[in-house]
N, C-alpha and C. Protein backbone atom coordinates (compact mmCIF):
# COMPACT_ATOMS: atom_id res chain seq x y z
N UNK A 1 88.94 110.44 115.91
CA UNK A 1 88.45 109.41 115.00
C UNK A 1 87.66 108.38 115.80
N UNK A 2 86.71 107.71 115.14
CA UNK A 2 85.83 106.76 115.81
C UNK A 2 85.78 105.45 115.03
N UNK A 3 85.76 104.36 115.77
CA UNK A 3 85.64 103.04 115.16
C UNK A 3 84.37 102.39 115.70
N UNK A 4 83.48 102.01 114.78
CA UNK A 4 82.20 101.40 115.15
C UNK A 4 82.14 99.97 114.65
N UNK A 5 81.52 99.13 115.46
CA UNK A 5 81.25 97.74 115.08
C UNK A 5 79.74 97.57 115.09
N UNK A 6 79.18 97.28 113.93
CA UNK A 6 77.74 97.13 113.79
C UNK A 6 77.40 95.67 113.51
N UNK A 7 76.54 95.11 114.34
CA UNK A 7 76.05 93.76 114.14
C UNK A 7 74.66 93.86 113.52
N UNK A 8 74.56 93.52 112.24
CA UNK A 8 73.32 93.74 111.50
C UNK A 8 72.30 92.64 111.77
N UNK A 9 71.04 93.01 111.66
CA UNK A 9 69.94 92.07 111.85
C UNK A 9 69.65 91.38 110.52
N UNK A 10 69.97 90.09 110.38
CA UNK A 10 69.83 89.43 109.08
C UNK A 10 68.38 89.25 108.64
N UNK A 11 67.43 89.54 109.53
CA UNK A 11 66.01 89.42 109.16
C UNK A 11 65.41 90.75 108.72
N UNK A 12 66.21 91.81 108.80
CA UNK A 12 65.74 93.13 108.40
C UNK A 12 65.82 93.27 106.88
N UNK A 13 64.76 93.78 106.25
CA UNK A 13 64.74 93.90 104.79
C UNK A 13 65.85 94.81 104.28
N UNK A 14 66.10 95.89 105.00
CA UNK A 14 67.15 96.80 104.58
C UNK A 14 68.52 96.14 104.62
N UNK A 15 68.75 95.31 105.64
CA UNK A 15 70.02 94.58 105.73
C UNK A 15 70.16 93.62 104.56
N UNK A 16 69.09 92.89 104.25
CA UNK A 16 69.14 91.94 103.14
C UNK A 16 69.47 92.65 101.83
N UNK A 17 68.96 93.86 101.66
CA UNK A 17 69.29 94.64 100.47
C UNK A 17 70.74 95.10 100.50
N UNK A 18 71.17 95.62 101.66
CA UNK A 18 72.47 96.28 101.73
C UNK A 18 73.66 95.33 101.66
N UNK A 19 73.52 94.12 102.23
CA UNK A 19 74.67 93.21 102.20
C UNK A 19 74.96 92.74 100.78
N UNK A 20 74.00 92.89 99.89
CA UNK A 20 74.22 92.53 98.50
C UNK A 20 74.58 93.71 97.62
N UNK A 21 74.68 94.91 98.22
CA UNK A 21 74.99 96.10 97.45
C UNK A 21 75.79 97.07 98.32
N UNK A 22 77.12 97.05 98.22
CA UNK A 22 77.94 97.91 99.07
C UNK A 22 77.59 99.39 98.96
N UNK A 23 77.18 99.84 97.78
CA UNK A 23 76.84 101.25 97.64
C UNK A 23 75.61 101.60 98.48
N UNK A 24 74.61 100.70 98.50
CA UNK A 24 73.43 100.93 99.33
C UNK A 24 73.80 100.86 100.81
N UNK A 25 74.72 99.96 101.16
CA UNK A 25 75.18 99.89 102.55
C UNK A 25 75.84 101.19 102.96
N UNK A 26 76.64 101.75 102.08
CA UNK A 26 77.29 103.03 102.36
C UNK A 26 76.25 104.12 102.58
N UNK A 27 75.23 104.16 101.75
CA UNK A 27 74.18 105.17 101.90
C UNK A 27 73.46 105.01 103.24
N UNK A 28 73.21 103.78 103.64
CA UNK A 28 72.55 103.54 104.92
C UNK A 28 73.44 104.00 106.07
N UNK A 29 74.73 103.68 106.02
CA UNK A 29 75.64 104.07 107.09
C UNK A 29 75.71 105.59 107.24
N UNK A 30 75.60 106.31 106.15
CA UNK A 30 75.67 107.77 106.21
C UNK A 30 74.50 108.37 106.98
N UNK A 31 73.45 107.59 107.22
CA UNK A 31 72.34 108.09 108.04
C UNK A 31 72.77 108.30 109.49
N UNK A 32 73.90 107.75 109.87
CA UNK A 32 74.41 107.93 111.22
C UNK A 32 75.25 109.19 111.39
N UNK A 33 75.31 110.03 110.36
CA UNK A 33 76.17 111.21 110.40
C UNK A 33 75.41 112.45 109.95
N UNK A 34 75.96 113.64 110.23
CA UNK A 34 75.27 114.87 109.82
C UNK A 34 75.09 114.93 108.30
N UNK A 35 73.97 115.52 107.87
CA UNK A 35 73.77 115.70 106.44
C UNK A 35 74.58 116.90 105.96
N UNK A 36 74.49 117.17 104.67
CA UNK A 36 75.32 118.22 104.08
C UNK A 36 75.04 119.58 104.70
N UNK A 37 73.77 119.85 105.00
CA UNK A 37 73.41 121.15 105.58
C UNK A 37 74.00 121.33 106.97
N UNK A 38 74.26 120.22 107.66
CA UNK A 38 74.82 120.28 109.02
C UNK A 38 76.33 120.06 109.03
N UNK A 39 76.95 120.17 107.87
CA UNK A 39 78.40 120.05 107.80
C UNK A 39 78.90 118.79 107.14
N UNK A 40 78.00 117.87 106.82
CA UNK A 40 78.39 116.66 106.11
C UNK A 40 78.94 115.59 107.02
N UNK A 41 79.06 114.38 106.50
CA UNK A 41 79.49 113.24 107.34
C UNK A 41 80.98 113.18 107.61
N UNK A 42 81.78 113.94 106.85
CA UNK A 42 83.22 113.74 106.94
C UNK A 42 83.61 112.45 106.24
N UNK A 43 84.82 112.00 106.47
CA UNK A 43 85.29 110.77 105.83
C UNK A 43 84.75 109.56 106.59
N UNK A 44 84.13 108.64 105.86
CA UNK A 44 83.62 107.40 106.45
C UNK A 44 84.14 106.23 105.62
N UNK A 45 84.88 105.35 106.27
CA UNK A 45 85.35 104.11 105.64
C UNK A 45 84.62 102.95 106.30
N UNK A 46 84.38 101.89 105.54
CA UNK A 46 83.68 100.75 106.13
C UNK A 46 84.08 99.46 105.43
N UNK A 47 83.80 98.36 106.11
CA UNK A 47 84.07 97.05 105.53
C UNK A 47 83.05 96.05 106.07
N UNK A 48 82.42 95.33 105.17
CA UNK A 48 81.56 94.22 105.55
C UNK A 48 82.46 93.01 105.77
N UNK A 49 82.50 92.53 107.02
CA UNK A 49 83.43 91.47 107.36
C UNK A 49 82.97 90.12 106.80
N UNK A 50 83.94 89.32 106.37
CA UNK A 50 83.67 87.96 105.93
C UNK A 50 83.66 87.05 107.14
N UNK A 51 82.58 86.31 107.33
CA UNK A 51 82.46 85.42 108.49
C UNK A 51 82.56 83.97 108.05
N UNK A 52 83.22 83.17 108.90
CA UNK A 52 83.35 81.75 108.63
C UNK A 52 82.17 80.96 109.20
N UNK A 53 81.46 81.57 110.16
CA UNK A 53 80.31 80.89 110.76
C UNK A 53 79.03 81.44 110.14
N UNK A 54 77.90 81.11 110.74
CA UNK A 54 76.61 81.55 110.22
C UNK A 54 76.03 82.69 111.04
N UNK A 55 76.89 83.43 111.71
CA UNK A 55 76.43 84.53 112.54
C UNK A 55 75.96 85.71 111.70
N UNK A 56 75.41 86.73 112.35
CA UNK A 56 74.89 87.90 111.63
C UNK A 56 76.01 88.69 110.97
N UNK A 57 75.69 89.45 109.93
CA UNK A 57 76.71 90.26 109.25
C UNK A 57 77.30 91.31 110.20
N UNK A 58 78.60 91.52 110.07
CA UNK A 58 79.31 92.51 110.87
C UNK A 58 79.89 93.57 109.94
N UNK A 59 79.69 94.83 110.29
CA UNK A 59 80.28 95.94 109.55
C UNK A 59 81.18 96.74 110.48
N UNK A 60 82.39 97.02 110.04
CA UNK A 60 83.27 97.95 110.74
C UNK A 60 83.23 99.28 110.00
N UNK A 61 83.09 100.36 110.76
CA UNK A 61 83.03 101.70 110.17
C UNK A 61 83.99 102.62 110.92
N UNK A 62 84.80 103.34 110.17
CA UNK A 62 85.74 104.30 110.73
C UNK A 62 85.34 105.69 110.25
N UNK A 63 85.28 106.65 111.17
CA UNK A 63 84.76 107.96 110.80
C UNK A 63 85.52 109.08 111.50
N UNK A 64 85.55 110.24 110.83
CA UNK A 64 86.12 111.44 111.43
C UNK A 64 85.23 111.96 112.56
N UNK A 65 83.92 111.89 112.32
CA UNK A 65 82.95 112.45 113.26
C UNK A 65 82.29 111.33 114.07
N UNK A 66 81.84 111.68 115.27
CA UNK A 66 81.17 110.69 116.11
C UNK A 66 79.82 110.34 115.50
N UNK A 67 79.56 109.05 115.28
CA UNK A 67 78.29 108.66 114.66
C UNK A 67 77.16 108.61 115.69
N UNK A 68 75.95 108.68 115.17
CA UNK A 68 74.74 108.47 115.96
C UNK A 68 73.93 107.39 115.25
N UNK A 69 74.03 106.18 115.76
CA UNK A 69 73.37 105.04 115.11
C UNK A 69 71.95 104.82 115.62
N UNK A 70 71.42 105.75 116.41
CA UNK A 70 70.14 105.50 117.09
C UNK A 70 69.00 105.23 116.11
N UNK A 71 68.98 105.92 114.96
CA UNK A 71 67.88 105.70 114.02
C UNK A 71 67.94 104.29 113.43
N UNK A 72 69.14 103.77 113.20
CA UNK A 72 69.27 102.41 112.66
C UNK A 72 68.97 101.37 113.74
N UNK A 73 69.31 101.69 114.99
CA UNK A 73 68.99 100.77 116.09
C UNK A 73 67.48 100.71 116.28
N UNK A 74 66.82 101.87 116.25
CA UNK A 74 65.37 101.91 116.42
C UNK A 74 64.65 101.18 115.29
N UNK A 75 65.25 101.20 114.10
CA UNK A 75 64.65 100.52 112.95
C UNK A 75 64.94 99.02 112.96
N UNK A 76 65.59 98.54 114.03
CA UNK A 76 65.95 97.12 114.16
C UNK A 76 66.87 96.68 113.03
N UNK A 77 67.69 97.63 112.56
CA UNK A 77 68.65 97.34 111.51
C UNK A 77 69.94 96.78 112.09
N UNK A 78 70.34 97.29 113.25
CA UNK A 78 71.64 96.92 113.80
C UNK A 78 71.73 97.18 115.29
N UNK A 79 72.68 96.52 115.93
CA UNK A 79 73.22 96.94 117.22
C UNK A 79 74.59 97.53 116.93
N UNK A 80 75.02 98.49 117.74
CA UNK A 80 76.26 99.18 117.41
C UNK A 80 77.06 99.51 118.66
N UNK A 81 78.37 99.40 118.53
CA UNK A 81 79.31 99.83 119.56
C UNK A 81 80.32 100.76 118.91
N UNK A 82 80.55 101.91 119.53
CA UNK A 82 81.47 102.90 118.97
C UNK A 82 82.54 103.25 120.00
N UNK A 83 83.79 103.28 119.55
CA UNK A 83 84.92 103.59 120.42
C UNK A 83 85.73 104.72 119.81
N UNK A 84 86.01 105.79 120.57
CA UNK A 84 86.93 106.81 120.05
C UNK A 84 88.35 106.25 120.03
N UNK A 85 89.12 106.67 119.05
CA UNK A 85 90.50 106.20 118.94
C UNK A 85 91.36 107.32 118.38
N UNK A 86 92.57 107.43 118.90
CA UNK A 86 93.48 108.48 118.43
C UNK A 86 94.86 107.88 118.22
N UNK A 87 95.33 107.93 116.99
CA UNK A 87 96.68 107.48 116.69
C UNK A 87 97.63 108.65 116.88
N UNK A 88 98.73 108.41 117.58
CA UNK A 88 99.65 109.49 117.93
C UNK A 88 101.08 109.12 117.60
N UNK A 89 101.78 110.03 116.93
CA UNK A 89 103.19 109.81 116.62
C UNK A 89 104.10 110.30 117.73
N UNK A 90 103.51 110.95 118.76
CA UNK A 90 104.32 111.40 119.89
C UNK A 90 103.66 110.96 121.19
N UNK A 91 103.59 111.80 122.19
CA UNK A 91 103.06 111.42 123.49
C UNK A 91 101.56 111.16 123.42
N UNK A 92 101.11 110.13 124.17
CA UNK A 92 99.67 109.86 124.25
C UNK A 92 99.04 110.56 125.44
N UNK A 93 99.83 111.19 126.30
CA UNK A 93 99.34 112.00 127.43
C UNK A 93 98.34 111.25 128.31
N UNK A 94 98.54 109.96 128.47
CA UNK A 94 97.66 109.19 129.33
C UNK A 94 96.27 108.96 128.77
N UNK A 95 96.05 109.29 127.51
CA UNK A 95 94.74 109.12 126.88
C UNK A 95 94.48 107.62 126.69
N UNK A 96 93.43 107.07 127.32
CA UNK A 96 93.18 105.63 127.21
C UNK A 96 92.79 105.19 125.80
N UNK A 97 92.38 106.14 124.97
CA UNK A 97 91.98 105.82 123.60
C UNK A 97 93.10 106.06 122.59
N UNK A 98 94.26 106.48 123.07
CA UNK A 98 95.37 106.80 122.17
C UNK A 98 96.20 105.55 121.88
N UNK A 99 96.64 105.44 120.63
CA UNK A 99 97.50 104.35 120.19
C UNK A 99 98.83 104.95 119.74
N UNK A 100 99.93 104.68 120.44
CA UNK A 100 101.22 105.25 120.03
C UNK A 100 101.73 104.59 118.75
N UNK A 101 102.27 105.42 117.86
CA UNK A 101 102.78 104.94 116.57
C UNK A 101 104.23 105.39 116.41
N UNK A 102 105.18 104.74 117.08
CA UNK A 102 106.58 105.09 116.86
C UNK A 102 107.12 104.42 115.60
N UNK A 103 108.22 104.94 115.10
CA UNK A 103 108.91 104.27 113.99
C UNK A 103 109.30 102.87 114.43
N UNK A 104 109.07 101.91 113.56
CA UNK A 104 109.46 100.54 113.84
C UNK A 104 108.39 99.69 114.49
N UNK A 105 107.27 100.30 114.92
CA UNK A 105 106.23 99.49 115.55
C UNK A 105 105.59 98.57 114.51
N UNK A 106 105.30 97.36 114.94
CA UNK A 106 104.74 96.35 114.06
C UNK A 106 103.26 96.13 114.38
N UNK A 107 102.47 95.97 113.34
CA UNK A 107 101.04 95.74 113.49
C UNK A 107 100.59 94.58 112.60
N UNK A 108 99.68 93.78 113.12
CA UNK A 108 98.91 92.90 112.25
C UNK A 108 97.88 93.76 111.53
N UNK A 109 97.57 93.42 110.30
CA UNK A 109 96.63 94.26 109.56
C UNK A 109 95.67 93.42 108.72
N UNK A 110 94.55 94.06 108.42
CA UNK A 110 93.57 93.49 107.48
C UNK A 110 93.08 94.61 106.59
N UNK A 111 92.94 94.31 105.31
CA UNK A 111 92.52 95.32 104.34
C UNK A 111 91.75 94.64 103.22
N UNK A 112 90.55 95.12 102.96
CA UNK A 112 89.82 94.72 101.76
C UNK A 112 90.03 95.83 100.74
N UNK A 113 90.64 95.48 99.61
CA UNK A 113 91.04 96.52 98.66
C UNK A 113 90.64 96.16 97.24
N UNK A 114 90.69 97.18 96.41
CA UNK A 114 90.43 97.06 94.97
C UNK A 114 91.71 97.48 94.25
N UNK A 115 92.68 96.56 94.13
CA UNK A 115 93.98 96.93 93.53
C UNK A 115 93.83 97.27 92.04
N UNK A 116 94.26 98.46 91.68
CA UNK A 116 94.17 98.91 90.29
C UNK A 116 95.40 99.71 89.92
N UNK A 117 95.59 99.87 88.63
CA UNK A 117 96.56 100.82 88.10
C UNK A 117 95.83 101.71 87.11
N UNK A 118 96.35 102.91 86.94
CA UNK A 118 95.71 103.86 86.04
C UNK A 118 96.53 103.96 84.76
N UNK A 119 95.87 103.71 83.64
CA UNK A 119 96.51 103.82 82.33
C UNK A 119 95.61 104.63 81.41
N UNK A 120 96.17 105.68 80.83
CA UNK A 120 95.43 106.53 79.90
C UNK A 120 94.13 107.02 80.50
N UNK A 121 94.19 107.37 81.79
CA UNK A 121 93.03 107.95 82.46
C UNK A 121 91.99 106.96 82.94
N UNK A 122 92.24 105.66 82.75
CA UNK A 122 91.27 104.65 83.18
C UNK A 122 91.91 103.70 84.18
N UNK A 123 91.09 103.22 85.13
CA UNK A 123 91.58 102.26 86.11
C UNK A 123 91.43 100.84 85.57
N UNK A 124 92.48 100.06 85.78
CA UNK A 124 92.49 98.67 85.35
C UNK A 124 92.80 97.79 86.55
N UNK A 125 92.03 96.73 86.73
CA UNK A 125 92.22 95.84 87.86
C UNK A 125 93.49 95.01 87.74
N UNK A 126 94.06 94.66 88.89
CA UNK A 126 95.21 93.77 88.96
C UNK A 126 94.73 92.41 89.47
N UNK A 127 95.01 91.35 88.72
CA UNK A 127 94.41 90.05 89.02
C UNK A 127 95.42 88.99 89.45
N UNK A 128 96.69 89.19 89.18
CA UNK A 128 97.70 88.23 89.61
C UNK A 128 98.13 88.52 91.05
N UNK A 129 98.35 87.45 91.83
CA UNK A 129 98.71 87.61 93.23
C UNK A 129 99.91 88.53 93.41
N UNK A 130 100.97 88.30 92.65
CA UNK A 130 102.18 89.09 92.83
C UNK A 130 101.95 90.55 92.47
N UNK A 131 101.16 90.81 91.44
CA UNK A 131 100.85 92.19 91.08
C UNK A 131 100.07 92.88 92.20
N UNK A 132 99.17 92.14 92.84
CA UNK A 132 98.39 92.71 93.94
C UNK A 132 99.28 93.01 95.14
N UNK A 133 100.19 92.09 95.45
CA UNK A 133 101.11 92.31 96.58
C UNK A 133 102.06 93.46 96.29
N UNK A 134 102.55 93.54 95.05
CA UNK A 134 103.43 94.65 94.68
C UNK A 134 102.68 95.98 94.79
N UNK A 135 101.41 95.98 94.42
CA UNK A 135 100.58 97.18 94.56
C UNK A 135 100.52 97.62 96.02
N UNK A 136 100.30 96.66 96.92
CA UNK A 136 100.22 97.01 98.34
C UNK A 136 101.57 97.51 98.86
N UNK A 137 102.65 96.91 98.41
CA UNK A 137 103.98 97.38 98.84
C UNK A 137 104.22 98.82 98.38
N UNK A 138 103.77 99.14 97.18
CA UNK A 138 103.92 100.53 96.71
C UNK A 138 103.10 101.48 97.56
N UNK A 139 101.91 101.05 97.95
CA UNK A 139 101.09 101.88 98.84
C UNK A 139 101.82 102.11 100.16
N UNK A 140 102.50 101.07 100.64
CA UNK A 140 103.26 101.22 101.87
C UNK A 140 104.44 102.16 101.71
N UNK A 141 105.13 102.07 100.59
CA UNK A 141 106.29 102.94 100.35
C UNK A 141 105.90 104.41 100.42
N UNK A 142 104.71 104.73 99.92
CA UNK A 142 104.26 106.13 99.93
C UNK A 142 103.39 106.45 101.14
N UNK A 143 103.08 105.42 101.94
CA UNK A 143 102.13 105.61 103.03
C UNK A 143 102.68 105.37 104.42
N UNK A 144 104.01 105.31 104.57
CA UNK A 144 104.59 105.25 105.90
C UNK A 144 104.70 103.88 106.52
N UNK A 145 104.65 102.81 105.71
CA UNK A 145 104.80 101.47 106.27
C UNK A 145 105.44 100.53 105.26
N UNK A 146 106.03 99.47 105.78
CA UNK A 146 106.58 98.41 104.93
C UNK A 146 105.89 97.10 105.29
N UNK A 147 105.75 96.23 104.30
CA UNK A 147 105.08 94.96 104.50
C UNK A 147 106.11 93.90 104.90
N UNK A 148 105.90 93.27 106.05
CA UNK A 148 106.78 92.17 106.47
C UNK A 148 106.27 90.84 105.92
N UNK A 149 105.01 90.55 106.19
CA UNK A 149 104.38 89.34 105.66
C UNK A 149 102.99 89.71 105.17
N UNK A 150 102.53 89.01 104.13
CA UNK A 150 101.20 89.32 103.61
C UNK A 150 100.64 88.11 102.87
N UNK A 151 99.34 87.94 103.00
CA UNK A 151 98.61 86.95 102.21
C UNK A 151 97.51 87.70 101.46
N UNK A 152 97.40 87.44 100.17
CA UNK A 152 96.37 88.08 99.35
C UNK A 152 95.34 87.02 98.96
N UNK A 153 94.13 87.16 99.47
CA UNK A 153 93.06 86.20 99.18
C UNK A 153 92.03 86.85 98.25
N UNK A 154 91.82 86.29 97.07
CA UNK A 154 90.82 86.86 96.17
C UNK A 154 89.41 86.65 96.72
N UNK A 155 88.64 87.71 96.76
CA UNK A 155 87.24 87.63 97.19
C UNK A 155 86.33 87.50 95.98
N UNK A 156 86.81 88.02 94.84
CA UNK A 156 86.03 87.95 93.61
C UNK A 156 85.44 89.29 93.25
N UNK A 157 84.53 89.27 92.31
CA UNK A 157 83.92 90.50 91.83
C UNK A 157 82.79 90.92 92.75
N UNK A 158 82.82 92.18 93.17
CA UNK A 158 81.77 92.74 94.01
C UNK A 158 80.95 93.69 93.15
N UNK A 159 79.66 93.44 93.07
CA UNK A 159 78.78 94.24 92.23
C UNK A 159 77.86 95.08 93.09
N UNK A 160 77.52 96.26 92.59
CA UNK A 160 76.64 97.15 93.34
C UNK A 160 75.92 98.06 92.36
N UNK A 161 74.65 98.29 92.62
CA UNK A 161 73.89 99.19 91.77
C UNK A 161 74.05 100.62 92.27
N UNK A 162 74.32 101.52 91.33
CA UNK A 162 74.43 102.94 91.62
C UNK A 162 73.65 103.68 90.55
N UNK A 163 72.53 104.27 90.96
CA UNK A 163 71.66 104.88 89.98
C UNK A 163 71.04 103.81 89.11
N UNK A 164 71.13 103.98 87.81
CA UNK A 164 70.55 103.00 86.90
C UNK A 164 71.54 102.01 86.35
N UNK A 165 72.76 102.00 86.88
CA UNK A 165 73.78 101.10 86.34
C UNK A 165 74.35 100.22 87.44
N UNK A 166 75.03 99.17 87.03
CA UNK A 166 75.69 98.26 87.96
C UNK A 166 77.20 98.44 87.85
N UNK A 167 77.84 98.61 89.00
CA UNK A 167 79.28 98.81 89.06
C UNK A 167 79.94 97.55 89.60
N UNK A 168 81.08 97.18 89.00
CA UNK A 168 81.79 95.98 89.42
C UNK A 168 83.20 96.36 89.88
N UNK A 169 83.64 95.74 90.98
CA UNK A 169 85.00 95.93 91.48
C UNK A 169 85.59 94.57 91.85
N UNK A 170 86.87 94.42 91.59
CA UNK A 170 87.58 93.19 91.96
C UNK A 170 88.11 93.36 93.38
N UNK A 171 87.70 92.46 94.28
CA UNK A 171 88.04 92.58 95.70
C UNK A 171 89.12 91.59 96.10
N UNK A 172 90.08 92.08 96.88
CA UNK A 172 91.16 91.25 97.42
C UNK A 172 91.28 91.56 98.91
N UNK A 173 91.35 90.52 99.72
CA UNK A 173 91.55 90.69 101.16
C UNK A 173 93.01 90.41 101.49
N UNK A 174 93.68 91.43 102.04
CA UNK A 174 95.07 91.31 102.46
C UNK A 174 95.12 91.16 103.98
N UNK A 175 95.95 90.23 104.44
CA UNK A 175 96.21 90.09 105.87
C UNK A 175 97.69 89.80 106.06
N UNK A 176 98.26 90.35 107.12
CA UNK A 176 99.68 90.11 107.37
C UNK A 176 100.20 90.99 108.49
N UNK A 177 101.49 91.29 108.40
CA UNK A 177 102.17 92.12 109.40
C UNK A 177 102.91 93.24 108.67
N UNK A 178 102.77 94.45 109.19
CA UNK A 178 103.48 95.59 108.62
C UNK A 178 104.31 96.26 109.70
N UNK A 179 105.24 97.11 109.27
CA UNK A 179 106.07 97.87 110.19
C UNK A 179 106.02 99.34 109.80
N UNK A 180 105.89 100.20 110.81
CA UNK A 180 105.79 101.64 110.57
C UNK A 180 107.16 102.20 110.21
N UNK A 181 107.23 102.93 109.10
CA UNK A 181 108.48 103.58 108.69
C UNK A 181 108.40 105.10 108.84
N UNK A 182 107.19 105.64 108.79
CA UNK A 182 106.98 107.08 108.96
C UNK A 182 105.65 107.26 109.68
N UNK A 183 105.67 107.57 110.98
CA UNK A 183 104.43 107.63 111.75
C UNK A 183 103.39 108.60 111.19
N UNK A 184 103.83 109.78 110.77
CA UNK A 184 102.87 110.77 110.25
C UNK A 184 102.18 110.26 108.99
N UNK A 185 102.96 109.71 108.07
CA UNK A 185 102.39 109.19 106.83
C UNK A 185 101.51 107.96 107.10
N UNK A 186 101.90 107.14 108.06
CA UNK A 186 101.12 105.95 108.38
C UNK A 186 99.76 106.33 108.95
N UNK A 187 99.74 107.29 109.86
CA UNK A 187 98.47 107.75 110.42
C UNK A 187 97.58 108.32 109.32
N UNK A 188 98.19 109.07 108.39
CA UNK A 188 97.42 109.61 107.27
C UNK A 188 96.84 108.49 106.41
N UNK A 189 97.58 107.39 106.24
CA UNK A 189 97.09 106.26 105.46
C UNK A 189 95.88 105.61 106.13
N UNK A 190 95.95 105.47 107.45
CA UNK A 190 94.81 104.90 108.18
C UNK A 190 93.59 105.81 108.04
N UNK A 191 93.80 107.10 108.20
CA UNK A 191 92.69 108.05 108.16
C UNK A 191 92.06 108.13 106.78
N UNK A 192 92.88 108.10 105.73
CA UNK A 192 92.37 108.28 104.37
C UNK A 192 91.93 106.98 103.72
N UNK A 193 92.46 105.84 104.21
CA UNK A 193 92.17 104.57 103.57
C UNK A 193 93.15 104.29 102.44
N UNK A 194 93.12 103.06 101.95
CA UNK A 194 94.08 102.59 100.95
C UNK A 194 93.35 102.25 99.65
N UNK A 195 93.79 102.87 98.56
CA UNK A 195 93.25 102.50 97.25
C UNK A 195 91.97 103.22 96.90
N UNK A 196 91.28 102.68 95.90
CA UNK A 196 90.10 103.32 95.33
C UNK A 196 88.81 102.63 95.79
N UNK A 197 87.69 103.17 95.32
CA UNK A 197 86.35 102.58 95.53
C UNK A 197 85.96 102.51 97.00
N UNK A 198 86.29 103.54 97.76
CA UNK A 198 85.99 103.53 99.20
C UNK A 198 84.49 103.58 99.48
N UNK A 199 83.72 104.20 98.60
CA UNK A 199 82.27 104.23 98.79
C UNK A 199 81.63 102.87 98.59
N UNK A 200 82.41 101.90 98.12
CA UNK A 200 81.91 100.55 97.89
C UNK A 200 82.47 99.55 98.90
N UNK A 201 83.02 100.06 100.00
CA UNK A 201 83.46 99.19 101.09
C UNK A 201 84.92 98.78 101.05
N UNK A 202 85.73 99.48 100.26
CA UNK A 202 87.15 99.16 100.17
C UNK A 202 87.98 100.22 100.90
N UNK A 203 89.20 99.82 101.31
CA UNK A 203 90.17 100.80 101.76
C UNK A 203 90.39 100.93 103.25
N UNK A 204 89.51 100.35 104.09
CA UNK A 204 89.68 100.47 105.53
C UNK A 204 90.83 99.58 105.99
N UNK A 205 91.89 100.22 106.50
CA UNK A 205 93.07 99.50 106.99
C UNK A 205 92.92 99.30 108.50
N UNK A 206 92.65 98.07 108.91
CA UNK A 206 92.49 97.74 110.33
C UNK A 206 93.81 97.20 110.86
N UNK A 207 94.24 97.69 112.03
CA UNK A 207 95.51 97.27 112.59
C UNK A 207 95.35 96.89 114.06
N UNK A 208 96.20 95.98 114.51
CA UNK A 208 96.28 95.57 115.91
C UNK A 208 97.74 95.28 116.22
N UNK A 209 98.19 95.56 117.44
CA UNK A 209 99.61 95.36 117.76
C UNK A 209 100.05 93.92 117.49
N UNK A 210 101.23 93.79 116.90
CA UNK A 210 101.82 92.48 116.64
C UNK A 210 102.83 92.16 117.74
N UNK A 211 103.09 90.89 117.97
CA UNK A 211 104.07 90.50 118.96
C UNK A 211 105.44 91.05 118.61
N UNK A 212 106.18 91.46 119.62
CA UNK A 212 107.52 91.98 119.39
C UNK A 212 107.56 93.44 119.03
N UNK A 213 106.42 94.15 119.18
CA UNK A 213 106.41 95.58 118.87
C UNK A 213 107.23 96.34 119.89
N UNK A 214 107.85 97.46 119.46
CA UNK A 214 108.60 98.28 120.42
C UNK A 214 107.69 98.84 121.50
């Protein structure tokens, strides 16, 4: 698996278009991966980071396949750094890019998500803080982790044009500390992402070791 950090050029016309349309941003990011005839891009998750300063937009992208951002760099769209990473539930074998995931390990996490429930075949957004947190706890119950602490910050409605229509998603940013309860399921959760609307920039679960980890 690969984790890329892209620093976008705010003066580039494509960037100005993409930061206002997550679906277009997703399409642009896919230019860094093989097309369908060459085997396809594999799973790509991404998140446009919220910045408190006036710096350039930052995108984090997680992918199954190693990306090639050279065409976007040449187009003055972005600078990019890519790091291979391997989550392991057993021995890391001295791999400098391996992250051990034993039961009980604690991580700080960040997640931009679109919390929904499905009723009668349709997805419905969850708008109350407690409903959103309960949604995340359920994801943890089935995804190999438990939530120790969490803050749910509403980002608001994210709109994006797809084809001839405009799609809207309710965005919530979760931050806190989690604990691994099942390493295999937890790794699968990181790889697959959390929740729906992943093509619109939701679902990337970013983790970093928390103090007091085993």
